[in-house]
Amino acid sequence: MLGQRLRGLRKLKKMTQQDIADKMSLAKSTISQYENNINEPDNEMINKLADFFEVTVDYLLGRTDNPSPADTDDWGLPEDAHVFFKDYEKLSDEDKVKAREHIKFLLHMAEQKNNENGQK
């Protein structure tokens, strides 16, 4: 699971294994081994990877499909918003991340619009 999550997050950021290796001060082969589940990072590296990708350790380890549950309280969604995501689990991990980012973007745009309307 960890390897799949790392690969998906890396591709979502449009980065190569070498890009990640450079940012994390690791060898490209180390990133490749993580992604292919040949070797596992130690706890310290898992924390660093989670911080780098801005996701939780639980997401990286496959304990949750929500990469950033702490952020959901800040989205301002009504309690019944779950109806919009009833088929959410059918999405690939990469598409789930895209869906969450799209919602964040829409909320940001709404906030900007509200700010502009308040300044006029």
PDB file of N, CA and C in Angstrom:
ATOM      1  N   MET A   1       0.824  -1.188   0.000  1.00  0.00           N
ATOM      2  CA  MET A   1       0.000   0.000   0.000  1.00  0.00           C
ATOM      3  C   MET A   1       0.872   1.257   0.000  1.00  0.00           C
ATOM      4  N   LEU A   2       1.916   1.274   0.815  1.00  0.00           N
ATOM      5  CA  LEU A   2       2.778   2.449   0.918  1.00  0.00           C
ATOM      6  C   LEU A   2       3.364   2.811  -0.439  1.00  0.00           C
ATOM      7  N   GLY A   3       3.872   1.833  -1.139  1.00  0.00           N
ATOM      8  CA  GLY A   3       4.476   2.096  -2.446  1.00  0.00           C
ATOM      9  C   GLY A   3       3.488   2.690  -3.425  1.00  0.00           C
ATOM     10  N   GLN A   4       2.293   2.141  -3.446  1.00  0.00           N
ATOM     11  CA  GLN A   4       1.244   2.636  -4.345  1.00  0.00           C
ATOM     12  C   GLN A   4       0.881   4.077  -3.998  1.00  0.00           C
ATOM     13  N   ARG A   5       0.764   4.370  -2.723  1.00  0.00           N
ATOM     14  CA  ARG A   5       0.422   5.731  -2.287  1.00  0.00           C
ATOM     15  C   ARG A   5       1.532   6.709  -2.658  1.00  0.00           C
ATOM     16  N   LEU A   6       2.775   6.307  -2.414  1.00  0.00           N
ATOM     17  CA  LEU A   6       3.895   7.196  -2.753  1.00  0.00           C
ATOM     18  C   LEU A   6       3.932   7.487  -4.247  1.00  0.00           C
ATOM     19  N   ARG A   7       3.775   6.451  -5.060  1.00  0.00           N
ATOM     20  CA  ARG A   7       3.790   6.630  -6.515  1.00  0.00           C
ATOM     21  C   ARG A   7       2.653   7.557  -6.954  1.00  0.00           C
ATOM     22  N   GLY A   8       1.463   7.331  -6.423  1.00  0.00           N
ATOM     23  CA  GLY A   8       0.317   8.167  -6.779  1.00  0.00           C
ATOM     24  C   GLY A   8       0.519   9.626  -6.391  1.00  0.00           C
ATOM     25  N   LEU A   9       1.039   9.859  -5.198  1.00  0.00           N
ATOM     26  CA  LEU A   9       1.284  11.230  -4.750  1.00  0.00           C
ATOM     27  C   LEU A   9       2.372  11.894  -5.581  1.00  0.00           C
ATOM     28  N   ARG A  10       3.414  11.138  -5.906  1.00  0.00           N
ATOM     29  CA  ARG A  10       4.505  11.683  -6.721  1.00  0.00           C
ATOM     30  C   ARG A  10       3.980  12.081  -8.099  1.00  0.00           C
ATOM     31  N   LYS A  11       3.195  11.214  -8.700  1.00  0.00           N
ATOM     32  CA  LYS A  11       2.652  11.507 -10.033  1.00  0.00           C
ATOM     33  C   LYS A  11       1.678  12.672  -9.984  1.00  0.00           C
ATOM     34  N   LEU A  12       0.913  12.756  -8.916  1.00  0.00           N
ATOM     35  CA  LEU A  12      -0.017  13.865  -8.754  1.00  0.00           C
ATOM     36  C   LEU A  12       0.737  15.198  -8.722  1.00  0.00           C
ATOM     37  N   LYS A  13       1.902  15.188  -8.106  1.00  0.00           N
ATOM     38  CA  LYS A  13       2.733  16.395  -8.052  1.00  0.00           C
ATOM     39  C   LYS A  13       3.570  16.571  -9.319  1.00  0.00           C
ATOM     40  N   LYS A  14       3.425  15.628 -10.241  1.00  0.00           N
ATOM     41  CA  LYS A  14       4.167  15.664 -11.514  1.00  0.00           C
ATOM     42  C   LYS A  14       5.673  15.733 -11.272  1.00  0.00           C
ATOM     43  N   MET A  15       6.117  14.851 -10.386  1.00  0.00           N
ATOM     44  CA  MET A  15       7.534  14.786 -10.047  1.00  0.00           C
ATOM     45  C   MET A  15       8.076  13.413 -10.427  1.00  0.00           C
ATOM     46  N   THR A  16       9.365  13.372 -10.707  1.00  0.00           N
ATOM     47  CA  THR A  16      10.029  12.108 -10.980  1.00  0.00           C
ATOM     48  C   THR A  16      10.560  11.524  -9.670  1.00  0.00           C
ATOM     49  N   GLN A  17      10.974  10.270  -9.739  1.00  0.00           N
ATOM     50  CA  GLN A  17      11.618   9.677  -8.566  1.00  0.00           C
ATOM     51  C   GLN A  17      12.867  10.460  -8.205  1.00  0.00           C
ATOM     52  N   GLN A  18      13.585  10.935  -9.215  1.00  0.00           N
ATOM     53  CA  GLN A  18      14.795  11.716  -8.961  1.00  0.00           C
ATOM     54  C   GLN A  18      14.468  13.030  -8.258  1.00  0.00           C
ATOM     55  N   ASP A  19      13.360  13.671  -8.660  1.00  0.00           N
ATOM     56  CA  ASP A  19      12.945  14.912  -8.002  1.00  0.00           C
ATOM     57  C   ASP A  19      12.719  14.676  -6.509  1.00  0.00           C
ATOM     58  N   ILE A  20      11.998  13.606  -6.196  1.00  0.00           N
ATOM     59  CA  ILE A  20      11.719  13.289  -4.790  1.00  0.00           C
ATOM     60  C   ILE A  20      13.010  12.954  -4.063  1.00  0.00           C
ATOM     61  N   ALA A  21      13.842  12.153  -4.695  1.00  0.00           N
ATOM     62  CA  ALA A  21      15.119  11.776  -4.080  1.00  0.00           C
ATOM     63  C   ALA A  21      15.952  13.013  -3.751  1.00  0.00           C
ATOM     64  N   ASP A  22      16.006  13.949  -4.682  1.00  0.00           N
ATOM     65  CA  ASP A  22      16.772  15.178  -4.447  1.00  0.00           C
ATOM     66  C   ASP A  22      16.201  15.979  -3.278  1.00  0.00           C
ATOM     67  N   LYS A  23      14.886  16.109  -3.232  1.00  0.00           N
ATOM     68  CA  LYS A  23      14.231  16.876  -2.164  1.00  0.00           C
ATOM     69  C   LYS A  23      14.406  16.213  -0.797  1.00  0.00           C
ATOM     70  N   MET A  24      14.456  14.870  -0.798  1.00  0.00           N
ATOM     71  CA  MET A  24      14.536  14.132   0.463  1.00  0.00           C
ATOM     72  C   MET A  24      15.975  13.722   0.813  1.00  0.00           C
ATOM     73  N   SER A  25      16.925  14.130  -0.019  1.00  0.00           N
ATOM     74  CA  SER A  25      18.340  13.760   0.171  1.00  0.00           C
ATOM     75  C   SER A  25      18.522  12.244   0.220  1.00  0.00           C
ATOM     76  N   LEU A  26      17.898  11.588  -0.753  1.00  0.00           N
ATOM     77  CA  LEU A  26      17.990  10.142  -0.882  1.00  0.00           C
ATOM     78  C   LEU A  26      18.454   9.789  -2.286  1.00  0.00           C
ATOM     79  N   ALA A  27      18.805   8.528  -2.488  1.00  0.00           N
ATOM     80  CA  ALA A  27      19.121   8.041  -3.822  1.00  0.00           C
ATOM     81  C   ALA A  27      17.820   7.754  -4.564  1.00  0.00           C
ATOM     82  N   LYS A  28      17.839   7.932  -5.874  1.00  0.00           N
ATOM     83  CA  LYS A  28      16.666   7.620  -6.698  1.00  0.00           C
ATOM     84  C   LYS A  28      16.262   6.166  -6.491  1.00  0.00           C
ATOM     85  N   SER A  29      17.240   5.279  -6.360  1.00  0.00           N
ATOM     86  CA  SER A  29      16.942   3.858  -6.173  1.00  0.00           C
ATOM     87  C   SER A  29      16.167   3.607  -4.881  1.00  0.00           C
ATOM     88  N   THR A  30      16.404   4.437  -3.867  1.00  0.00           N
ATOM     89  CA  THR A  30      15.675   4.294  -2.602  1.00  0.00           C
ATOM     90  C   THR A  30      14.200   4.586  -2.813  1.00  0.00           C
ATOM     91  N   ILE A  31      13.909   5.661  -3.551  1.00  0.00           N
ATOM     92  CA  ILE A  31      12.510   6.005  -3.846  1.00  0.00           C
ATOM     93  C   ILE A  31      11.876   4.888  -4.670  1.00  0.00           C
ATOM     94  N   SER A  32      12.605   4.384  -5.650  1.00  0.00           N
ATOM     95  CA  SER A  32      12.101   3.285  -6.476  1.00  0.00           C
ATOM     96  C   SER A  32      11.784   2.064  -5.620  1.00  0.00           C
ATOM     97  N   GLN A  33      12.665   1.746  -4.680  1.00  0.00           N
ATOM     98  CA  GLN A  33      12.450   0.590  -3.811  1.00  0.00           C
ATOM     99  C   GLN A  33      11.236   0.796  -2.907  1.00  0.00           C
ATOM    100  N   TYR A  34      11.038   2.020  -2.426  1.00  0.00           N
ATOM    101  CA  TYR A  34       9.846   2.310  -1.624  1.00  0.00           C
ATOM    102  C   TYR A  34       8.587   2.107  -2.470  1.00  0.00           C
ATOM    103  N   GLU A  35       8.588   2.676  -3.678  1.00  0.00           N
ATOM    104  CA  GLU A  35       7.413   2.601  -4.542  1.00  0.00           C
ATOM    105  C   GLU A  35       7.102   1.169  -4.981  1.00  0.00           C
ATOM    106  N   ASN A  36       8.122   0.352  -5.113  1.00  0.00           N
ATOM    107  CA  ASN A  36       7.932  -1.032  -5.556  1.00  0.00           C
ATOM    108  C   ASN A  36       7.860  -2.014  -4.387  1.00  0.00           C
ATOM    109  N   ASN A  37       7.742  -1.482  -3.177  1.00  0.00           N
ATOM    110  CA  ASN A  37       7.616  -2.291  -1.961  1.00  0.00           C
ATOM    111  C   ASN A  37       8.759  -3.287  -1.789  1.00  0.00           C
ATOM    112  N   ILE A  38       9.942  -2.894  -2.229  1.00  0.00           N
ATOM    113  CA  ILE A  38      11.127  -3.729  -2.040  1.00  0.00           C
ATOM    114  C   ILE A  38      11.712  -3.449  -0.657  1.00  0.00           C
ATOM    115  N   ASN A  39      11.793  -2.182  -0.306  1.00  0.00           N
ATOM    116  CA  ASN A  39      12.232  -1.750   1.017  1.00  0.00           C
ATOM    117  C   ASN A  39      11.195  -0.800   1.583  1.00  0.00           C
ATOM    118  N   GLU A  40      11.117  -0.742   2.897  1.00  0.00           N
ATOM    119  CA  GLU A  40      10.197   0.177   3.559  1.00  0.00           C
ATOM    120  C   GLU A  40      10.996   1.246   4.285  1.00  0.00           C
ATOM    121  N   PRO A  41      10.511   2.489   4.237  1.00  0.00           N
ATOM    122  CA  PRO A  41      11.200   3.541   4.983  1.00  0.00           C
ATOM    123  C   PRO A  41      11.015   3.335   6.485  1.00  0.00           C
ATOM    124  N   ASP A  42      11.967   3.841   7.259  1.00  0.00           N
ATOM    125  CA  ASP A  42      11.810   3.768   8.707  1.00  0.00           C
ATOM    126  C   ASP A  42      10.779   4.817   9.135  1.00  0.00           C
ATOM    127  N   ASN A  43      10.424   4.815  10.407  1.00  0.00           N
ATOM    128  CA  ASN A  43       9.387   5.714  10.909  1.00  0.00           C
ATOM    129  C   ASN A  43       9.713   7.181  10.668  1.00  0.00           C
ATOM    130  N   GLU A  44      10.962   7.546  10.865  1.00  0.00           N
ATOM    131  CA  GLU A  44      11.361   8.939  10.646  1.00  0.00           C
ATOM    132  C   GLU A  44      11.144   9.338   9.184  1.00  0.00           C
ATOM    133  N   MET A  45      11.506   8.456   8.259  1.00  0.00           N
ATOM    134  CA  MET A  45      11.346   8.765   6.838  1.00  0.00           C
ATOM    135  C   MET A  45       9.870   8.779   6.452  1.00  0.00           C
ATOM    136  N   ILE A  46       9.069   7.907   7.039  1.00  0.00           N
ATOM    137  CA  ILE A  46       7.622   7.928   6.761  1.00  0.00           C
ATOM    138  C   ILE A  46       7.041   9.278   7.174  1.00  0.00           C
ATOM    139  N   ASN A  47       7.460   9.770   8.334  1.00  0.00           N
ATOM    140  CA  ASN A  47       7.002  11.089   8.782  1.00  0.00           C
ATOM    141  C   ASN A  47       7.442  12.190   7.826  1.00  0.00           C
ATOM    142  N   LYS A  48       8.681  12.105   7.363  1.00  0.00           N
ATOM    143  CA  LYS A  48       9.193  13.114   6.422  1.00  0.00           C
ATOM    144  C   LYS A  48       8.430  13.067   5.095  1.00  0.00           C
ATOM    145  N   LEU A  49       8.143  11.863   4.623  1.00  0.00           N
ATOM    146  CA  LEU A  49       7.392  11.715   3.376  1.00  0.00           C
ATOM    147  C   LEU A  49       5.970  12.256   3.537  1.00  0.00           C
ATOM    148  N   ALA A  50       5.350  11.967   4.673  1.00  0.00           N
ATOM    149  CA  ALA A  50       4.003  12.481   4.926  1.00  0.00           C
ATOM    150  C   ALA A  50       4.012  14.009   4.948  1.00  0.00           C
ATOM    151  N   ASP A  51       5.003  14.586   5.598  1.00  0.00           N
ATOM    152  CA  ASP A  51       5.119  16.050   5.624  1.00  0.00           C
ATOM    153  C   ASP A  51       5.359  16.604   4.225  1.00  0.00           C
ATOM    154  N   PHE A  52       6.239  15.955   3.475  1.00  0.00           N
ATOM    155  CA  PHE A  52       6.565  16.427   2.130  1.00  0.00           C
ATOM    156  C   PHE A  52       5.326  16.439   1.232  1.00  0.00           C
ATOM    157  N   PHE A  53       4.541  15.361   1.292  1.00  0.00           N
ATOM    158  CA  PHE A  53       3.359  15.249   0.437  1.00  0.00           C
ATOM    159  C   PHE A  53       2.111  15.880   1.065  1.00  0.00           C
ATOM    160  N   GLU A  54       2.275  16.391   2.288  1.00  0.00           N
ATOM    161  CA  GLU A  54       1.174  17.039   3.007  1.00  0.00           C
ATOM    162  C   GLU A  54      -0.019  16.091   3.191  1.00  0.00           C
ATOM    163  N   VAL A  55       0.296  14.886   3.629  1.00  0.00           N
ATOM    164  CA  VAL A  55      -0.717  13.877   3.940  1.00  0.00           C
ATOM    165  C   VAL A  55      -0.408  13.315   5.318  1.00  0.00           C
ATOM    166  N   THR A  56      -1.328  12.527   5.834  1.00  0.00           N
ATOM    167  CA  THR A  56      -1.082  11.907   7.126  1.00  0.00           C
ATOM    168  C   THR A  56      -0.296  10.603   6.949  1.00  0.00           C
ATOM    169  N   VAL A  57       0.364  10.205   8.010  1.00  0.00           N
ATOM    170  CA  VAL A  57       1.057   8.920   8.020  1.00  0.00           C
ATOM    171  C   VAL A  57       0.037   7.796   7.828  1.00  0.00           C
ATOM    172  N   ASP A  58      -1.123   7.933   8.440  1.00  0.00           N
ATOM    173  CA  ASP A  58      -2.172   6.914   8.274  1.00  0.00           C
ATOM    174  C   ASP A  58      -2.546   6.741   6.810  1.00  0.00           C
ATOM    175  N   TYR A  59      -2.591   7.826   6.055  1.00  0.00           N
ATOM    176  CA  TYR A  59      -2.901   7.721   4.632  1.00  0.00           C
ATOM    177  C   TYR A  59      -1.789   6.956   3.911  1.00  0.00           C
ATOM    178  N   LEU A  60      -0.541   7.316   4.177  1.00  0.00           N
ATOM    179  CA  LEU A  60       0.577   6.628   3.525  1.00  0.00           C
ATOM    180  C   LEU A  60       0.562   5.135   3.805  1.00  0.00           C
ATOM    181  N   LEU A  61       0.207   4.776   5.016  1.00  0.00           N
ATOM    182  CA  LEU A  61       0.232   3.368   5.417  1.00  0.00           C
ATOM    183  C   LEU A  61      -1.046   2.611   5.057  1.00  0.00           C
ATOM    184  N   GLY A  62      -2.007   3.309   4.457  1.00  0.00           N
ATOM    185  CA  GLY A  62      -3.238   2.650   4.034  1.00  0.00           C
ATOM    186  C   GLY A  62      -4.265   2.464   5.129  1.00  0.00           C
ATOM    187  N   ARG A  63      -4.085   3.143   6.258  1.00  0.00           N
ATOM    188  CA  ARG A  63      -5.044   3.018   7.364  1.00  0.00           C
ATOM    189  C   ARG A  63      -6.291   3.859   7.134  1.00  0.00           C
ATOM    190  N   THR A  64      -6.211   4.818   6.213  1.00  0.00           N
ATOM    191  CA  THR A  64      -7.345   5.655   5.850  1.00  0.00           C
ATOM    192  C   THR A  64      -7.207   6.039   4.380  1.00  0.00           C
ATOM    193  N   ASP A  65      -8.322   6.347   3.751  1.00  0.00           N
ATOM    194  CA  ASP A  65      -8.285   6.822   2.374  1.00  0.00           C
ATOM    195  C   ASP A  65      -8.325   8.338   2.312  1.00  0.00           C
ATOM    196  N   ASN A  66      -8.396   8.981   3.451  1.00  0.00           N
ATOM    197  CA  ASN A  66      -8.407  10.437   3.518  1.00  0.00           C
ATOM    198  C   ASN A  66      -6.988  10.912   3.820  1.00  0.00           C
ATOM    199  N   PRO A  67      -6.331  11.582   2.862  1.00  0.00           N
ATOM    200  CA  PRO A  67      -4.951  11.981   3.089  1.00  0.00           C
ATOM    201  C   PRO A  67      -4.774  13.059   4.147  1.00  0.00           C
ATOM    202  N   SER A  68      -5.804  13.839   4.411  1.00  0.00           N
ATOM    203  CA  SER A  68      -5.646  14.921   5.383  1.00  0.00           C
ATOM    204  C   SER A  68      -6.920  15.138   6.189  1.00  0.00           C
ATOM    205  N   PRO A  69      -7.283  14.181   7.040  1.00  0.00           N
ATOM    206  CA  PRO A  69      -8.537  14.315   7.776  1.00  0.00           C
ATOM    207  C   PRO A  69      -8.596  15.546   8.664  1.00  0.00           C
ATOM    208  N   ALA A  70      -7.484  16.037   9.147  1.00  0.00           N
ATOM    209  CA  ALA A  70      -7.506  17.220  10.008  1.00  0.00           C
ATOM    210  C   ALA A  70      -7.997  18.443   9.249  1.00  0.00           C
ATOM    211  N   ASP A  71      -7.787  18.468   7.947  1.00  0.00           N
ATOM    212  CA  ASP A  71      -8.202  19.618   7.152  1.00  0.00           C
ATOM    213  C   ASP A  71      -9.704  19.659   6.907  1.00  0.00           C
ATOM    214  N   THR A  72     -10.397  18.547   7.028  1.00  0.00           N
ATOM    215  CA  THR A  72     -11.798  18.508   6.626  1.00  0.00           C
ATOM    216  C   THR A  72     -12.665  19.422   7.482  1.00  0.00           C
ATOM    217  N   ASP A  73     -12.295  19.674   8.727  1.00  0.00           N
ATOM    218  CA  ASP A  73     -13.082  20.567   9.569  1.00  0.00           C
ATOM    219  C   ASP A  73     -13.010  21.999   9.071  1.00  0.00           C
ATOM    220  N   ASP A  74     -11.946  22.332   8.353  1.00  0.00           N
ATOM    221  CA  ASP A  74     -11.751  23.694   7.876  1.00  0.00           C
ATOM    222  C   ASP A  74     -12.408  23.950   6.529  1.00  0.00           C
ATOM    223  N   TRP A  75     -13.010  22.949   5.916  1.00  0.00           N
ATOM    224  CA  TRP A  75     -13.570  23.122   4.578  1.00  0.00           C
ATOM    225  C   TRP A  75     -14.893  23.850   4.597  1.00  0.00           C
ATOM    226  N   GLY A  76     -15.572  23.861   5.713  1.00  0.00           N
ATOM    227  CA  GLY A  76     -16.853  24.533   5.792  1.00  0.00           C
ATOM    228  C   GLY A  76     -17.980  23.787   5.095  1.00  0.00           C
ATOM    229  N   LEU A  77     -17.864  22.481   4.972  1.00  0.00           N
ATOM    230  CA  LEU A  77     -18.901  21.687   4.313  1.00  0.00           C
ATOM    231  C   LEU A  77     -20.034  21.396   5.284  1.00  0.00           C
ATOM    232  N   PRO A  78     -21.269  21.378   4.801  1.00  0.00           N
ATOM    233  CA  PRO A  78     -22.379  21.002   5.681  1.00  0.00           C
ATOM    234  C   PRO A  78     -22.265  19.525   6.057  1.00  0.00           C
ATOM    235  N   GLU A  79     -22.896  19.159   7.137  1.00  0.00           N
ATOM    236  CA  GLU A  79     -22.807  17.774   7.613  1.00  0.00           C
ATOM    237  C   GLU A  79     -23.296  16.768   6.589  1.00  0.00           C
ATOM    238  N   ASP A  80     -24.266  17.157   5.759  1.00  0.00           N
ATOM    239  CA  ASP A  80     -24.817  16.214   4.785  1.00  0.00           C
ATOM    240  C   ASP A  80     -24.019  16.183   3.473  1.00  0.00           C
ATOM    241  N   ALA A  81     -22.852  16.771   3.453  1.00  0.00           N
ATOM    242  CA  ALA A  81     -22.037  16.794   2.235  1.00  0.00           C
ATOM    243  C   ALA A  81     -21.647  15.390   1.782  1.00  0.00           C
ATOM    244  N   HIS A  82     -21.714  14.423   2.673  1.00  0.00           N
ATOM    245  CA  HIS A  82     -21.344  13.048   2.313  1.00  0.00           C
ATOM    246  C   HIS A  82     -22.174  12.507   1.159  1.00  0.00           C
ATOM    247  N   VAL A  83     -23.381  13.034   0.937  1.00  0.00           N
ATOM    248  CA  VAL A  83     -24.207  12.526  -0.157  1.00  0.00           C
ATOM    249  C   VAL A  83     -23.559  12.769  -1.516  1.00  0.00           C
ATOM    250  N   PHE A  84     -22.707  13.786  -1.595  1.00  0.00           N
ATOM    251  CA  PHE A  84     -22.020  14.072  -2.852  1.00  0.00           C
ATOM    252  C   PHE A  84     -20.935  13.046  -3.145  1.00  0.00           C
ATOM    253  N   PHE A  85     -20.545  12.317  -2.127  1.00  0.00           N
ATOM    254  CA  PHE A  85     -19.423  11.397  -2.268  1.00  0.00           C
ATOM    255  C   PHE A  85     -19.814   9.950  -2.030  1.00  0.00           C
ATOM    256  N   LYS A  86     -21.063   9.607  -2.268  1.00  0.00           N
ATOM    257  CA  LYS A  86     -21.501   8.246  -1.965  1.00  0.00           C
ATOM    258  C   LYS A  86     -20.732   7.206  -2.773  1.00  0.00           C
ATOM    259  N   ASP A  87     -20.238   7.563  -3.948  1.00  0.00           N
ATOM    260  CA  ASP A  87     -19.456   6.636  -4.759  1.00  0.00           C
ATOM    261  C   ASP A  87     -17.956   6.926  -4.690  1.00  0.00           C
ATOM    262  N   TYR A  88     -17.572   7.728  -3.738  1.00  0.00           N
ATOM    263  CA  TYR A  88     -16.174   8.144  -3.574  1.00  0.00           C
ATOM    264  C   TYR A  88     -15.215   6.955  -3.517  1.00  0.00           C
ATOM    265  N   GLU A  89     -15.587   5.911  -2.812  1.00  0.00           N
ATOM    266  CA  GLU A  89     -14.700   4.758  -2.640  1.00  0.00           C
ATOM    267  C   GLU A  89     -14.417   4.025  -3.946  1.00  0.00           C
ATOM    268  N   LYS A  90     -15.226   4.268  -4.968  1.00  0.00           N
ATOM    269  CA  LYS A  90     -15.000   3.625  -6.264  1.00  0.00           C
ATOM    270  C   LYS A  90     -13.873   4.293  -7.039  1.00  0.00           C
ATOM    271  N   LEU A  91     -13.454   5.490  -6.596  1.00  0.00           N
ATOM    272  CA  LEU A  91     -12.387   6.218  -7.283  1.00  0.00           C
ATOM    273  C   LEU A  91     -11.018   5.625  -6.956  1.00  0.00           C
ATOM    274  N   SER A  92     -10.082   5.808  -7.877  1.00  0.00           N
ATOM    275  CA  SER A  92      -8.694   5.417  -7.595  1.00  0.00           C
ATOM    276  C   SER A  92      -8.132   6.371  -6.543  1.00  0.00           C
ATOM    277  N   ASP A  93      -7.037   5.985  -5.905  1.00  0.00           N
ATOM    278  CA  ASP A  93      -6.408   6.855  -4.908  1.00  0.00           C
ATOM    279  C   ASP A  93      -6.056   8.208  -5.512  1.00  0.00           C
ATOM    280  N   GLU A  94      -5.533   8.179  -6.723  1.00  0.00           N
ATOM    281  CA  GLU A  94      -5.142   9.428  -7.384  1.00  0.00           C
ATOM    282  C   GLU A  94      -6.372  10.306  -7.647  1.00  0.00           C
ATOM    283  N   ASP A  95      -7.468   9.715  -8.089  1.00  0.00           N
ATOM    284  CA  ASP A  95      -8.686  10.485  -8.348  1.00  0.00           C
ATOM    285  C   ASP A  95      -9.305  11.014  -7.057  1.00  0.00           C
ATOM    286  N   LYS A  96      -9.157  10.277  -5.962  1.00  0.00           N
ATOM    287  CA  LYS A  96      -9.649  10.772  -4.676  1.00  0.00           C
ATOM    288  C   LYS A  96      -8.907  12.038  -4.275  1.00  0.00           C
ATOM    289  N   VAL A  97      -7.602  12.026  -4.464  1.00  0.00           N
ATOM    290  CA  VAL A  97      -6.804  13.213  -4.150  1.00  0.00           C
ATOM    291  C   VAL A  97      -7.242  14.376  -5.041  1.00  0.00           C
ATOM    292  N   LYS A  98      -7.446  14.105  -6.319  1.00  0.00           N
ATOM    293  CA  LYS A  98      -7.894  15.154  -7.243  1.00  0.00           C
ATOM    294  C   LYS A  98      -9.250  15.720  -6.825  1.00  0.00           C
ATOM    295  N   ALA A  99     -10.171  14.848  -6.413  1.00  0.00           N
ATOM    296  CA  ALA A  99     -11.499  15.301  -5.994  1.00  0.00           C
ATOM    297  C   ALA A  99     -11.395  16.229  -4.788  1.00  0.00           C
ATOM    298  N   ARG A 100     -10.576  15.850  -3.821  1.00  0.00           N
ATOM    299  CA  ARG A 100     -10.412  16.691  -2.640  1.00  0.00           C
ATOM    300  C   ARG A 100      -9.773  18.028  -2.992  1.00  0.00           C
ATOM    301  N   GLU A 101      -8.774  17.989  -3.864  1.00  0.00           N
ATOM    302  CA  GLU A 101      -8.124  19.235  -4.273  1.00  0.00           C
ATOM    303  C   GLU A 101      -9.092  20.131  -5.038  1.00  0.00           C
ATOM    304  N   HIS A 102      -9.955  19.547  -5.840  1.00  0.00           N
ATOM    305  CA  HIS A 102     -10.934  20.331  -6.591  1.00  0.00           C
ATOM    306  C   HIS A 102     -11.904  21.027  -5.635  1.00  0.00           C
ATOM    307  N   ILE A 103     -12.344  20.308  -4.617  1.00  0.00           N
ATOM    308  CA  ILE A 103     -13.247  20.913  -3.635  1.00  0.00           C
ATOM    309  C   ILE A 103     -12.550  22.058  -2.910  1.00  0.00           C
ATOM    310  N   LYS A 104     -11.300  21.837  -2.517  1.00  0.00           N
ATOM    311  CA  LYS A 104     -10.551  22.906  -1.856  1.00  0.00           C
ATOM    312  C   LYS A 104     -10.444  24.125  -2.771  1.00  0.00           C
ATOM    313  N   PHE A 105     -10.190  23.886  -4.053  1.00  0.00           N
ATOM    314  CA  PHE A 105     -10.080  24.983  -5.015  1.00  0.00           C
ATOM    315  C   PHE A 105     -11.405  25.742  -5.124  1.00  0.00           C
ATOM    316  N   LEU A 106     -12.514  25.016  -5.238  1.00  0.00           N
ATOM    317  CA  LEU A 106     -13.822  25.658  -5.348  1.00  0.00           C
ATOM    318  C   LEU A 106     -14.129  26.496  -4.105  1.00  0.00           C
ATOM    319  N   LEU A 107     -13.792  25.969  -2.950  1.00  0.00           N
ATOM    320  CA  LEU A 107     -14.013  26.726  -1.719  1.00  0.00           C
ATOM    321  C   LEU A 107     -13.142  27.969  -1.663  1.00  0.00           C
ATOM    322  N   HIS A 108     -11.917  27.832  -2.119  1.00  0.00           N
ATOM    323  CA  HIS A 108     -11.005  28.986  -2.154  1.00  0.00           C
ATOM    324  C   HIS A 108     -11.551  30.061  -3.086  1.00  0.00           C
ATOM    325  N   MET A 109     -12.044  29.637  -4.251  1.00  0.00           N
ATOM    326  CA  MET A 109     -12.604  30.594  -5.214  1.00  0.00           C
ATOM    327  C   MET A 109     -13.846  31.278  -4.633  1.00  0.00           C
ATOM    328  N   ALA A 110     -14.684  30.534  -3.933  1.00  0.00           N
ATOM    329  CA  ALA A 110     -15.875  31.108  -3.307  1.00  0.00           C
ATOM    330  C   ALA A 110     -15.474  32.121  -2.245  1.00  0.00           C
ATOM    331  N   GLU A 111     -14.435  31.796  -1.487  1.00  0.00           N
ATOM    332  CA  GLU A 111     -13.960  32.714  -0.454  1.00  0.00           C
ATOM    333  C   GLU A 111     -13.434  33.998  -1.084  1.00  0.00           C
ATOM    334  N   GLN A 112     -12.676  33.850  -2.169  1.00  0.00           N
ATOM    335  CA  GLN A 112     -12.167  35.037  -2.871  1.00  0.00           C
ATOM    336  C   GLN A 112     -13.312  35.901  -3.380  1.00  0.00           C
ATOM    337  N   LYS A 113     -14.318  35.258  -3.946  1.00  0.00           N
ATOM    338  CA  LYS A 113     -15.476  35.984  -4.476  1.00  0.00           C
ATOM    339  C   LYS A 113     -16.191  36.723  -3.343  1.00  0.00           C
ATOM    340  N   ASN A 114     -16.358  36.041  -2.215  1.00  0.00           N
ATOM    341  CA  ASN A 114     -16.994  36.681  -1.058  1.00  0.00           C
ATOM    342  C   ASN A 114     -16.183  37.869  -0.565  1.00  0.00           C
ATOM    343  N   ASN A 115     -14.868  37.723  -0.544  1.00  0.00           N
ATOM    344  CA  ASN A 115     -13.995  38.820  -0.122  1.00  0.00           C
ATOM    345  C   ASN A 115     -14.098  40.003  -1.072  1.00  0.00           C
ATOM    346  N   GLU A 116     -14.131  39.710  -2.368  1.00  0.00           N
ATOM    347  CA  GLU A 116     -14.251  40.777  -3.363  1.00  0.00           C
ATOM    348  C   GLU A 116     -15.595  41.496  -3.234  1.00  0.00           C
ATOM    349  N   ASN A 117     -16.666  40.733  -3.017  1.00  0.00           N
ATOM    350  CA  ASN A 117     -17.985  41.331  -2.858  1.00  0.00           C
ATOM    351  C   ASN A 117     -18.061  42.184  -1.594  1.00  0.00           C
ATOM    352  N   GLY A 118     -17.364  41.774  -0.563  1.00  0.00           N
ATOM    353  CA  GLY A 118     -17.358  42.531   0.681  1.00  0.00           C
ATOM    354  C   GLY A 118     -16.561  43.809   0.601  1.00  0.00           C
ATOM    355  N   GLN A 119     -15.601  43.867  -0.337  1.00  0.00           N
ATOM    356  CA  GLN A 119     -14.752  45.050  -0.479  1.00  0.00           C
ATOM    357  C   GLN A 119     -15.374  46.102  -1.372  1.00  0.00           C
ATOM    358  N   LYS A 120     -16.402  45.735  -2.126  1.00  0.00           N
ATOM    359  CA  LYS A 120     -17.007  46.680  -3.072  1.00  0.00           C
ATOM    360  C   LYS A 120     -17.971  47.598  -2.383  1.00  0.00           C
TER     361      LYS A 120
END
